[in-house]
């Protein structure tokens, strides 16, 4: 389980998410969650 602790103006975010980058590859989207709790996944 990965955790992302946010501080600052985070109350005004539109979406948060996770990307990953494997060796020799481009960074890719893994999952996102919007302010309204909608989610999307690779």
ModelCIF file with pLDDT and N, C-alpha, C, O atoms, coordinates in Angstrom:
data_MODEL
#
_entry.id   MODEL 
#
_entity.id                         1 
_entity.type                       polymer 
_entity.pdbx_number_of_molecules   1 
#
_entity_poly.entity_id                      1 
_entity_poly.type                           'polypeptide(L)' 
_entity_poly.nstd_linkage                   no 
_entity_poly.nstd_monomer                   no 
_entity_poly.pdbx_seq_one_letter_code       
;(UNK)(UNK)(UNK)(UNK)(UNK)(UNK)(UNK)(UNK)(UNK)(UNK)(UNK)(UNK)(UNK)(UNK)(UNK)(UNK)
(UNK)(UNK)(UNK)(UNK)(UNK)(UNK)(UNK)(UNK)(UNK)(UNK)(UNK)(UNK)(UNK)(UNK)(UNK)(UNK)
(UNK)(UNK)(UNK)(UNK)(UNK)(UNK)(UNK)(UNK)(UNK)(UNK)
;
_entity_poly.pdbx_seq_one_letter_code_can   XXXXXXXXXXXXXXXXXXXXXXXXXXXXXXXXXXXXXXXXXX 
_entity_poly.pdbx_strand_id                 A 
#
loop_
_entity_poly_seq.entity_id 
_entity_poly_seq.num 
_entity_poly_seq.mon_id 
_entity_poly_seq.hetero 
1 1  UNK n 
1 2  UNK n 
1 3  UNK n 
1 4  UNK n 
1 5  UNK n 
1 6  UNK n 
1 7  UNK n 
1 8  UNK n 
1 9  UNK n 
1 10 UNK n 
1 11 UNK n 
1 12 UNK n 
1 13 UNK n 
1 14 UNK n 
1 15 UNK n 
1 16 UNK n 
1 17 UNK n 
1 18 UNK n 
1 19 UNK n 
1 20 UNK n 
1 21 UNK n 
1 22 UNK n 
1 23 UNK n 
1 24 UNK n 
1 25 UNK n 
1 26 UNK n 
1 27 UNK n 
1 28 UNK n 
1 29 UNK n 
1 30 UNK n 
1 31 UNK n 
1 32 UNK n 
1 33 UNK n 
1 34 UNK n 
1 35 UNK n 
1 36 UNK n 
1 37 UNK n 
1 38 UNK n 
1 39 UNK n 
1 40 UNK n 
1 41 UNK n 
1 42 UNK n 
#
_struct_asym.id          A 
_struct_asym.entity_id   1 
#
loop_
_ma_qa_metric.id 
_ma_qa_metric.mode 
_ma_qa_metric.name 
_ma_qa_metric.software_group_id 
_ma_qa_metric.type 
1 global pLDDT . pLDDT 
2 local  pLDDT . pLDDT 
#
_ma_qa_metric_global.metric_id      1 
_ma_qa_metric_global.metric_value   91.76 
_ma_qa_metric_global.model_id       1 
_ma_qa_metric_global.ordinal_id     1 
#
loop_
_ma_qa_metric_local.label_asym_id 
_ma_qa_metric_local.label_comp_id 
_ma_qa_metric_local.label_seq_id 
_ma_qa_metric_local.metric_id 
_ma_qa_metric_local.metric_value 
_ma_qa_metric_local.model_id 
_ma_qa_metric_local.ordinal_id 
A UNK 1  2 98.00 1 1  
A UNK 2  2 98.00 1 2  
A UNK 3  2 97.00 1 3  
A UNK 4  2 95.00 1 4  
A UNK 5  2 92.00 1 5  
A UNK 6  2 90.00 1 6  
A UNK 7  2 87.00 1 7  
A UNK 8  2 81.00 1 8  
A UNK 9  2 70.00 1 9  
A UNK 10 2 66.00 1 10 
A UNK 11 2 68.00 1 11 
A UNK 12 2 75.00 1 12 
A UNK 13 2 82.00 1 13 
A UNK 14 2 87.00 1 14 
A UNK 15 2 91.00 1 15 
A UNK 16 2 93.00 1 16 
A UNK 17 2 95.00 1 17 
A UNK 18 2 98.00 1 18 
A UNK 19 2 98.00 1 19 
A UNK 20 2 98.00 1 20 
A UNK 21 2 98.00 1 21 
A UNK 22 2 95.00 1 22 
A UNK 23 2 89.00 1 23 
A UNK 24 2 93.00 1 24 
A UNK 25 2 95.00 1 25 
A UNK 26 2 96.00 1 26 
A UNK 27 2 96.00 1 27 
A UNK 28 2 97.00 1 28 
A UNK 29 2 97.00 1 29 
A UNK 30 2 98.00 1 30 
A UNK 31 2 98.00 1 31 
A UNK 32 2 97.00 1 32 
A UNK 33 2 96.00 1 33 
A UNK 34 2 93.00 1 34 
A UNK 35 2 89.00 1 35 
A UNK 36 2 90.00 1 36 
A UNK 37 2 91.00 1 37 
A UNK 38 2 96.00 1 38 
A UNK 39 2 97.00 1 39 
A UNK 40 2 98.00 1 40 
A UNK 41 2 98.00 1 41 
A UNK 42 2 98.00 1 42 
#
loop_
_atom_site.group_PDB 
_atom_site.id 
_atom_site.type_symbol 
_atom_site.label_atom_id 
_atom_site.label_alt_id 
_atom_site.label_comp_id 
_atom_site.label_asym_id 
_atom_site.label_entity_id 
_atom_site.label_seq_id 
_atom_site.pdbx_PDB_ins_code 
_atom_site.Cartn_x 
_atom_site.Cartn_y 
_atom_site.Cartn_z 
_atom_site.occupancy 
_atom_site.B_iso_or_equiv 
_atom_site.pdbx_formal_charge 
_atom_site.auth_seq_id 
_atom_site.auth_comp_id 
_atom_site.auth_asym_id 
_atom_site.auth_atom_id 
_atom_site.pdbx_PDB_model_num 
ATOM 1   N N  . UNK A 1 1  ? 0.847   -1.190 0.000   1.00 98.00 ? 1  UNK A N  1 
ATOM 2   C CA . UNK A 1 1  ? 0.000   0.000  0.000   1.00 98.00 ? 1  UNK A CA 1 
ATOM 3   C C  . UNK A 1 1  ? 0.879   1.234  0.000   1.00 98.00 ? 1  UNK A C  1 
ATOM 4   O O  . UNK A 1 1  ? 1.685   1.434  0.909   1.00 98.00 ? 1  UNK A O  1 
ATOM 5   N N  . UNK A 1 2  ? 0.724   2.046  -1.003  1.00 98.00 ? 2  UNK A N  1 
ATOM 6   C CA . UNK A 1 2  ? 1.459   3.298  -1.094  1.00 98.00 ? 2  UNK A CA 1 
ATOM 7   C C  . UNK A 1 2  ? 0.619   4.413  -0.470  1.00 98.00 ? 2  UNK A C  1 
ATOM 8   O O  . UNK A 1 2  ? -0.609  4.422  -0.556  1.00 98.00 ? 2  UNK A O  1 
ATOM 9   N N  . UNK A 1 3  ? 1.326   5.345  0.156   1.00 97.00 ? 3  UNK A N  1 
ATOM 10  C CA . UNK A 1 3  ? 0.676   6.489  0.780   1.00 97.00 ? 3  UNK A CA 1 
ATOM 11  C C  . UNK A 1 3  ? 1.280   7.769  0.240   1.00 97.00 ? 3  UNK A C  1 
ATOM 12  O O  . UNK A 1 3  ? 2.497   7.876  0.086   1.00 97.00 ? 3  UNK A O  1 
ATOM 13  N N  . UNK A 1 4  ? 0.429   8.737  -0.046  1.00 95.00 ? 4  UNK A N  1 
ATOM 14  C CA . UNK A 1 4  ? 0.884   10.065 -0.474  1.00 95.00 ? 4  UNK A CA 1 
ATOM 15  C C  . UNK A 1 4  ? 0.283   11.082 0.479   1.00 95.00 ? 4  UNK A C  1 
ATOM 16  O O  . UNK A 1 4  ? -0.923  11.330 0.471   1.00 95.00 ? 4  UNK A O  1 
ATOM 17  N N  . UNK A 1 5  ? 1.140   11.663 1.294   1.00 92.00 ? 5  UNK A N  1 
ATOM 18  C CA . UNK A 1 5  ? 0.704   12.691 2.240   1.00 92.00 ? 5  UNK A CA 1 
ATOM 19  C C  . UNK A 1 5  ? 0.915   14.059 1.606   1.00 92.00 ? 5  UNK A C  1 
ATOM 20  O O  . UNK A 1 5  ? 2.026   14.394 1.195   1.00 92.00 ? 5  UNK A O  1 
ATOM 21  N N  . UNK A 1 6  ? -0.149  14.848 1.526   1.00 90.00 ? 6  UNK A N  1 
ATOM 22  C CA . UNK A 1 6  ? -0.091  16.137 0.852   1.00 90.00 ? 6  UNK A CA 1 
ATOM 23  C C  . UNK A 1 6  ? -0.213  17.289 1.844   1.00 90.00 ? 6  UNK A C  1 
ATOM 24  O O  . UNK A 1 6  ? -0.920  17.192 2.847   1.00 90.00 ? 6  UNK A O  1 
ATOM 25  N N  . UNK A 1 7  ? 0.478   18.364 1.550   1.00 87.00 ? 7  UNK A N  1 
ATOM 26  C CA . UNK A 1 7  ? 0.372   19.564 2.374   1.00 87.00 ? 7  UNK A CA 1 
ATOM 27  C C  . UNK A 1 7  ? 0.401   20.783 1.463   1.00 87.00 ? 7  UNK A C  1 
ATOM 28  O O  . UNK A 1 7  ? 0.838   20.698 0.315   1.00 87.00 ? 7  UNK A O  1 
ATOM 29  N N  . UNK A 1 8  ? -0.062  21.903 1.971   1.00 81.00 ? 8  UNK A N  1 
ATOM 30  C CA . UNK A 1 8  ? -0.123  23.110 1.163   1.00 81.00 ? 8  UNK A CA 1 
ATOM 31  C C  . UNK A 1 8  ? -1.541  23.382 0.730   1.00 81.00 ? 8  UNK A C  1 
ATOM 32  O O  . UNK A 1 8  ? -2.473  23.175 1.506   1.00 81.00 ? 8  UNK A O  1 
ATOM 33  N N  . UNK A 1 9  ? -1.728  23.842 -0.494  1.00 70.00 ? 9  UNK A N  1 
ATOM 34  C CA . UNK A 1 9  ? -3.047  24.217 -1.001  1.00 70.00 ? 9  UNK A CA 1 
ATOM 35  C C  . UNK A 1 9  ? -3.801  23.011 -1.530  1.00 70.00 ? 9  UNK A C  1 
ATOM 36  O O  . UNK A 1 9  ? -4.499  23.093 -2.541  1.00 70.00 ? 9  UNK A O  1 
ATOM 37  N N  . UNK A 1 10 ? -3.657  21.908 -0.847  1.00 66.00 ? 10 UNK A N  1 
ATOM 38  C CA . UNK A 1 10 ? -4.185  20.652 -1.385  1.00 66.00 ? 10 UNK A CA 1 
ATOM 39  C C  . UNK A 1 10 ? -5.702  20.626 -1.379  1.00 66.00 ? 10 UNK A C  1 
ATOM 40  O O  . UNK A 1 10 ? -6.306  19.827 -2.095  1.00 66.00 ? 10 UNK A O  1 
ATOM 41  N N  . UNK A 1 11 ? -6.335  21.488 -0.582  1.00 68.00 ? 11 UNK A N  1 
ATOM 42  C CA . UNK A 1 11 ? -7.787  21.482 -0.504  1.00 68.00 ? 11 UNK A CA 1 
ATOM 43  C C  . UNK A 1 11 ? -8.405  21.917 -1.825  1.00 68.00 ? 11 UNK A C  1 
ATOM 44  O O  . UNK A 1 11 ? -9.593  21.689 -2.058  1.00 68.00 ? 11 UNK A O  1 
ATOM 45  N N  . UNK A 1 12 ? -7.604  22.548 -2.702  1.00 75.00 ? 12 UNK A N  1 
ATOM 46  C CA . UNK A 1 12 ? -8.129  23.048 -3.968  1.00 75.00 ? 12 UNK A CA 1 
ATOM 47  C C  . UNK A 1 12 ? -7.756  22.154 -5.154  1.00 75.00 ? 12 UNK A C  1 
ATOM 48  O O  . UNK A 1 12 ? -7.845  22.575 -6.307  1.00 75.00 ? 12 UNK A O  1 
ATOM 49  N N  . UNK A 1 13 ? -7.339  20.919 -4.860  1.00 82.00 ? 13 UNK A N  1 
ATOM 50  C CA . UNK A 1 13 ? -6.908  20.062 -5.957  1.00 82.00 ? 13 UNK A CA 1 
ATOM 51  C C  . UNK A 1 13 ? -8.087  19.639 -6.814  1.00 82.00 ? 13 UNK A C  1 
ATOM 52  O O  . UNK A 1 13 ? -9.214  19.572 -6.323  1.00 82.00 ? 13 UNK A O  1 
ATOM 53  N N  . UNK A 1 14 ? -7.849  19.357 -8.067  1.00 87.00 ? 14 UNK A N  1 
ATOM 54  C CA . UNK A 1 14 ? -8.855  18.822 -8.978  1.00 87.00 ? 14 UNK A CA 1 
ATOM 55  C C  . UNK A 1 14 ? -8.776  17.302 -9.055  1.00 87.00 ? 14 UNK A C  1 
ATOM 56  O O  . UNK A 1 14 ? -9.793  16.609 -9.084  1.00 87.00 ? 14 UNK A O  1 
ATOM 57  N N  . UNK A 1 15 ? -7.542  16.803 -9.088  1.00 91.00 ? 15 UNK A N  1 
ATOM 58  C CA . UNK A 1 15 ? -7.362  15.367 -9.061  1.00 91.00 ? 15 UNK A CA 1 
ATOM 59  C C  . UNK A 1 15 ? -5.983  15.035 -8.521  1.00 91.00 ? 15 UNK A C  1 
ATOM 60  O O  . UNK A 1 15 ? -5.055  15.839 -8.608  1.00 91.00 ? 15 UNK A O  1 
ATOM 61  N N  . UNK A 1 16 ? -5.865  13.847 -7.966  1.00 93.00 ? 16 UNK A N  1 
ATOM 62  C CA . UNK A 1 16 ? -4.595  13.321 -7.492  1.00 93.00 ? 16 UNK A CA 1 
ATOM 63  C C  . UNK A 1 16 ? -4.432  11.915 -8.037  1.00 93.00 ? 16 UNK A C  1 
ATOM 64  O O  . UNK A 1 16 ? -5.404  11.241 -8.379  1.00 93.00 ? 16 UNK A O  1 
ATOM 65  N N  . UNK A 1 17 ? -3.201  11.496 -8.108  1.00 95.00 ? 17 UNK A N  1 
ATOM 66  C CA . UNK A 1 17 ? -3.013  10.172 -8.668  1.00 95.00 ? 17 UNK A CA 1 
ATOM 67  C C  . UNK A 1 17 ? -1.610  9.640  -8.511  1.00 95.00 ? 17 UNK A C  1 
ATOM 68  O O  . UNK A 1 17 ? -0.755  10.226 -7.847  1.00 95.00 ? 17 UNK A O  1 
ATOM 69  N N  . UNK A 1 18 ? -1.410  8.503  -9.150  1.00 98.00 ? 18 UNK A N  1 
ATOM 70  C CA . UNK A 1 18 ? -0.122  7.826  -9.114  1.00 98.00 ? 18 UNK A CA 1 
ATOM 71  C C  . UNK A 1 18 ? 0.330   7.522  -10.544 1.00 98.00 ? 18 UNK A C  1 
ATOM 72  O O  . UNK A 1 18 ? -0.445  7.061  -11.381 1.00 98.00 ? 18 UNK A O  1 
ATOM 73  N N  . UNK A 1 19 ? 1.585   7.793  -10.785 1.00 98.00 ? 19 UNK A N  1 
ATOM 74  C CA . UNK A 1 19 ? 2.249   7.387  -12.015 1.00 98.00 ? 19 UNK A CA 1 
ATOM 75  C C  . UNK A 1 19 ? 3.396   6.459  -11.622 1.00 98.00 ? 19 UNK A C  1 
ATOM 76  O O  . UNK A 1 19 ? 3.807   6.405  -10.463 1.00 98.00 ? 19 UNK A O  1 
ATOM 77  N N  . UNK A 1 20 ? 3.893   5.743  -12.601 1.00 98.00 ? 20 UNK A N  1 
ATOM 78  C CA . UNK A 1 20 ? 5.072   4.912  -12.341 1.00 98.00 ? 20 UNK A CA 1 
ATOM 79  C C  . UNK A 1 20 ? 6.003   4.961  -13.547 1.00 98.00 ? 20 UNK A C  1 
ATOM 80  O O  . UNK A 1 20 ? 5.594   5.218  -14.680 1.00 98.00 ? 20 UNK A O  1 
ATOM 81  N N  . UNK A 1 21 ? 7.266   4.703  -13.249 1.00 98.00 ? 21 UNK A N  1 
ATOM 82  C CA . UNK A 1 21 ? 8.269   4.672  -14.319 1.00 98.00 ? 21 UNK A CA 1 
ATOM 83  C C  . UNK A 1 21 ? 9.175   3.478  -14.109 1.00 98.00 ? 21 UNK A C  1 
ATOM 84  O O  . UNK A 1 21 ? 9.878   3.380  -13.103 1.00 98.00 ? 21 UNK A O  1 
ATOM 85  N N  . UNK A 1 22 ? 9.149   2.578  -15.065 1.00 95.00 ? 22 UNK A N  1 
ATOM 86  C CA . UNK A 1 22 ? 10.018  1.413  -15.036 1.00 95.00 ? 22 UNK A CA 1 
ATOM 87  C C  . UNK A 1 22 ? 11.344  1.769  -15.715 1.00 95.00 ? 22 UNK A C  1 
ATOM 88  O O  . UNK A 1 22 ? 11.397  2.696  -16.522 1.00 95.00 ? 22 UNK A O  1 
ATOM 89  N N  . UNK A 1 23 ? 12.397  1.045  -15.394 1.00 89.00 ? 23 UNK A N  1 
ATOM 90  C CA . UNK A 1 23 ? 13.702  1.328  -16.016 1.00 89.00 ? 23 UNK A CA 1 
ATOM 91  C C  . UNK A 1 23 ? 13.621  1.288  -17.537 1.00 89.00 ? 23 UNK A C  1 
ATOM 92  O O  . UNK A 1 23 ? 13.129  0.319  -18.115 1.00 89.00 ? 23 UNK A O  1 
ATOM 93  N N  . UNK A 1 24 ? 14.105  2.340  -18.175 1.00 93.00 ? 24 UNK A N  1 
ATOM 94  C CA . UNK A 1 24 ? 14.120  2.393  -19.631 1.00 93.00 ? 24 UNK A CA 1 
ATOM 95  C C  . UNK A 1 24 ? 12.794  2.695  -20.271 1.00 93.00 ? 24 UNK A C  1 
ATOM 96  O O  . UNK A 1 24 ? 12.679  2.663  -21.496 1.00 93.00 ? 24 UNK A O  1 
ATOM 97  N N  . UNK A 1 25 ? 11.781  2.990  -19.470 1.00 95.00 ? 25 UNK A N  1 
ATOM 98  C CA . UNK A 1 25 ? 10.455  3.262  -20.022 1.00 95.00 ? 25 UNK A CA 1 
ATOM 99  C C  . UNK A 1 25 ? 9.971   4.646  -19.619 1.00 95.00 ? 25 UNK A C  1 
ATOM 100 O O  . UNK A 1 25 ? 10.500  5.267  -18.697 1.00 95.00 ? 25 UNK A O  1 
ATOM 101 N N  . UNK A 1 26 ? 8.957   5.111  -20.328 1.00 96.00 ? 26 UNK A N  1 
ATOM 102 C CA . UNK A 1 26 ? 8.377   6.400  -19.996 1.00 96.00 ? 26 UNK A CA 1 
ATOM 103 C C  . UNK A 1 26 ? 7.477   6.285  -18.778 1.00 96.00 ? 26 UNK A C  1 
ATOM 104 O O  . UNK A 1 26 ? 6.964   5.214  -18.456 1.00 96.00 ? 26 UNK A O  1 
ATOM 105 N N  . UNK A 1 27 ? 7.303   7.406  -18.120 1.00 96.00 ? 27 UNK A N  1 
ATOM 106 C CA . UNK A 1 27 ? 6.390   7.448  -16.989 1.00 96.00 ? 27 UNK A CA 1 
ATOM 107 C C  . UNK A 1 27 ? 4.965   7.227  -17.492 1.00 96.00 ? 27 UNK A C  1 
ATOM 108 O O  . UNK A 1 27 ? 4.572   7.780  -18.519 1.00 96.00 ? 27 UNK A O  1 
ATOM 109 N N  . UNK A 1 28 ? 4.200   6.421  -16.771 1.00 97.00 ? 28 UNK A N  1 
ATOM 110 C CA . UNK A 1 28 ? 2.843   6.112  -17.202 1.00 97.00 ? 28 UNK A CA 1 
ATOM 111 C C  . UNK A 1 28 ? 1.860   6.279  -16.053 1.00 97.00 ? 28 UNK A C  1 
ATOM 112 O O  . UNK A 1 28 ? 2.208   6.114  -14.883 1.00 97.00 ? 28 UNK A O  1 
ATOM 113 N N  . UNK A 1 29 ? 0.641   6.606  -16.410 1.00 97.00 ? 29 UNK A N  1 
ATOM 114 C CA . UNK A 1 29 ? -0.409  6.772  -15.419 1.00 97.00 ? 29 UNK A CA 1 
ATOM 115 C C  . UNK A 1 29 ? -0.810  5.409  -14.871 1.00 97.00 ? 29 UNK A C  1 
ATOM 116 O O  . UNK A 1 29 ? -0.974  4.446  -15.620 1.00 97.00 ? 29 UNK A O  1 
ATOM 117 N N  . UNK A 1 30 ? -0.964  5.343  -13.554 1.00 98.00 ? 30 UNK A N  1 
ATOM 118 C CA . UNK A 1 30 ? -1.426  4.116  -12.909 1.00 98.00 ? 30 UNK A CA 1 
ATOM 119 C C  . UNK A 1 30 ? -2.881  4.274  -12.470 1.00 98.00 ? 30 UNK A C  1 
ATOM 120 O O  . UNK A 1 30 ? -3.730  3.446  -12.802 1.00 98.00 ? 30 UNK A O  1 
ATOM 121 N N  . UNK A 1 31 ? -3.163  5.344  -11.720 1.00 98.00 ? 31 UNK A N  1 
ATOM 122 C CA . UNK A 1 31 ? -4.518  5.552  -11.208 1.00 98.00 ? 31 UNK A CA 1 
ATOM 123 C C  . UNK A 1 31 ? -4.692  7.009  -10.827 1.00 98.00 ? 31 UNK A C  1 
ATOM 124 O O  . UNK A 1 31 ? -3.743  7.675  -10.413 1.00 98.00 ? 31 UNK A O  1 
ATOM 125 N N  . UNK A 1 32 ? -5.923  7.500  -10.972 1.00 97.00 ? 32 UNK A N  1 
ATOM 126 C CA . UNK A 1 32 ? -6.236  8.849  -10.548 1.00 97.00 ? 32 UNK A CA 1 
ATOM 127 C C  . UNK A 1 32 ? -7.544  8.845  -9.780  1.00 97.00 ? 32 UNK A C  1 
ATOM 128 O O  . UNK A 1 32 ? -8.378  7.954  -9.937  1.00 97.00 ? 32 UNK A O  1 
ATOM 129 N N  . UNK A 1 33 ? -7.704  9.868  -8.942  1.00 96.00 ? 33 UNK A N  1 
ATOM 130 C CA . UNK A 1 33 ? -8.948  10.070 -8.218  1.00 96.00 ? 33 UNK A CA 1 
ATOM 131 C C  . UNK A 1 33 ? -9.246  11.557 -8.246  1.00 96.00 ? 33 UNK A C  1 
ATOM 132 O O  . UNK A 1 33 ? -8.370  12.382 -7.991  1.00 96.00 ? 33 UNK A O  1 
ATOM 133 N N  . UNK A 1 34 ? -10.488 11.891 -8.556  1.00 93.00 ? 34 UNK A N  1 
ATOM 134 C CA . UNK A 1 34 ? -10.867 13.294 -8.662  1.00 93.00 ? 34 UNK A CA 1 
ATOM 135 C C  . UNK A 1 34 ? -11.406 13.815 -7.339  1.00 93.00 ? 34 UNK A C  1 
ATOM 136 O O  . UNK A 1 34 ? -11.624 13.066 -6.387  1.00 93.00 ? 34 UNK A O  1 
ATOM 137 N N  . UNK A 1 35 ? -11.611 15.111 -7.316  1.00 89.00 ? 35 UNK A N  1 
ATOM 138 C CA . UNK A 1 35 ? -12.184 15.764 -6.141  1.00 89.00 ? 35 UNK A CA 1 
ATOM 139 C C  . UNK A 1 35 ? -13.511 15.104 -5.783  1.00 89.00 ? 35 UNK A C  1 
ATOM 140 O O  . UNK A 1 35 ? -13.841 14.965 -4.605  1.00 89.00 ? 35 UNK A O  1 
ATOM 141 N N  . UNK A 1 36 ? -14.272 14.696 -6.799  1.00 90.00 ? 36 UNK A N  1 
ATOM 142 C CA . UNK A 1 36 ? -15.559 14.065 -6.562  1.00 90.00 ? 36 UNK A CA 1 
ATOM 143 C C  . UNK A 1 36 ? -15.472 12.567 -6.327  1.00 90.00 ? 36 UNK A C  1 
ATOM 144 O O  . UNK A 1 36 ? -16.492 11.879 -6.325  1.00 90.00 ? 36 UNK A O  1 
ATOM 145 N N  . UNK A 1 37 ? -14.270 12.061 -6.130  1.00 91.00 ? 37 UNK A N  1 
ATOM 146 C CA . UNK A 1 37 ? -14.020 10.653 -5.813  1.00 91.00 ? 37 UNK A CA 1 
ATOM 147 C C  . UNK A 1 37 ? -14.187 9.718  -7.017  1.00 91.00 ? 37 UNK A C  1 
ATOM 148 O O  . UNK A 1 37 ? -14.246 8.501  -6.843  1.00 91.00 ? 37 UNK A O  1 
ATOM 149 N N  . UNK A 1 38 ? -14.264 10.265 -8.223  1.00 96.00 ? 38 UNK A N  1 
ATOM 150 C CA . UNK A 1 38 ? -14.248 9.392  -9.393  1.00 96.00 ? 38 UNK A CA 1 
ATOM 151 C C  . UNK A 1 38 ? -12.850 8.850  -9.580  1.00 96.00 ? 38 UNK A C  1 
ATOM 152 O O  . UNK A 1 38 ? -11.867 9.536  -9.298  1.00 96.00 ? 38 UNK A O  1 
ATOM 153 N N  . UNK A 1 39 ? -12.757 7.634  -10.050 1.00 97.00 ? 39 UNK A N  1 
ATOM 154 C CA . UNK A 1 39 ? -11.451 6.993  -10.215 1.00 97.00 ? 39 UNK A CA 1 
ATOM 155 C C  . UNK A 1 39 ? -11.274 6.466  -11.633 1.00 97.00 ? 39 UNK A C  1 
ATOM 156 O O  . UNK A 1 39 ? -12.242 6.196  -12.345 1.00 97.00 ? 39 UNK A O  1 
ATOM 157 N N  . UNK A 1 40 ? -10.025 6.330  -12.015 1.00 98.00 ? 40 UNK A N  1 
ATOM 158 C CA . UNK A 1 40 ? -9.697  5.739  -13.303 1.00 98.00 ? 40 UNK A CA 1 
ATOM 159 C C  . UNK A 1 40 ? -8.366  5.020  -13.160 1.00 98.00 ? 40 UNK A C  1 
ATOM 160 O O  . UNK A 1 40 ? -7.504  5.431  -12.383 1.00 98.00 ? 40 UNK A O  1 
ATOM 161 N N  . UNK A 1 41 ? -8.210  3.948  -13.916 1.00 98.00 ? 41 UNK A N  1 
ATOM 162 C CA . UNK A 1 41 ? -7.021  3.104  -13.785 1.00 98.00 ? 41 UNK A CA 1 
ATOM 163 C C  . UNK A 1 41 ? -6.436  2.749  -15.145 1.00 98.00 ? 41 UNK A C  1 
ATOM 164 O O  . UNK A 1 41 ? -7.143  2.703  -16.152 1.00 98.00 ? 41 UNK A O  1 
ATOM 165 N N  . UNK A 1 42 ? -5.152  2.504  -15.154 1.00 98.00 ? 42 UNK A N  1 
ATOM 166 C CA . UNK A 1 42 ? -4.533  1.918  -16.336 1.00 98.00 ? 42 UNK A CA 1 
ATOM 167 C C  . UNK A 1 42 ? -5.110  0.521  -16.524 1.00 98.00 ? 42 UNK A C  1 
ATOM 168 O O  . UNK A 1 42 ? -4.738  -0.179 -17.466 1.00 98.00 ? 42 UNK A O  1 
#
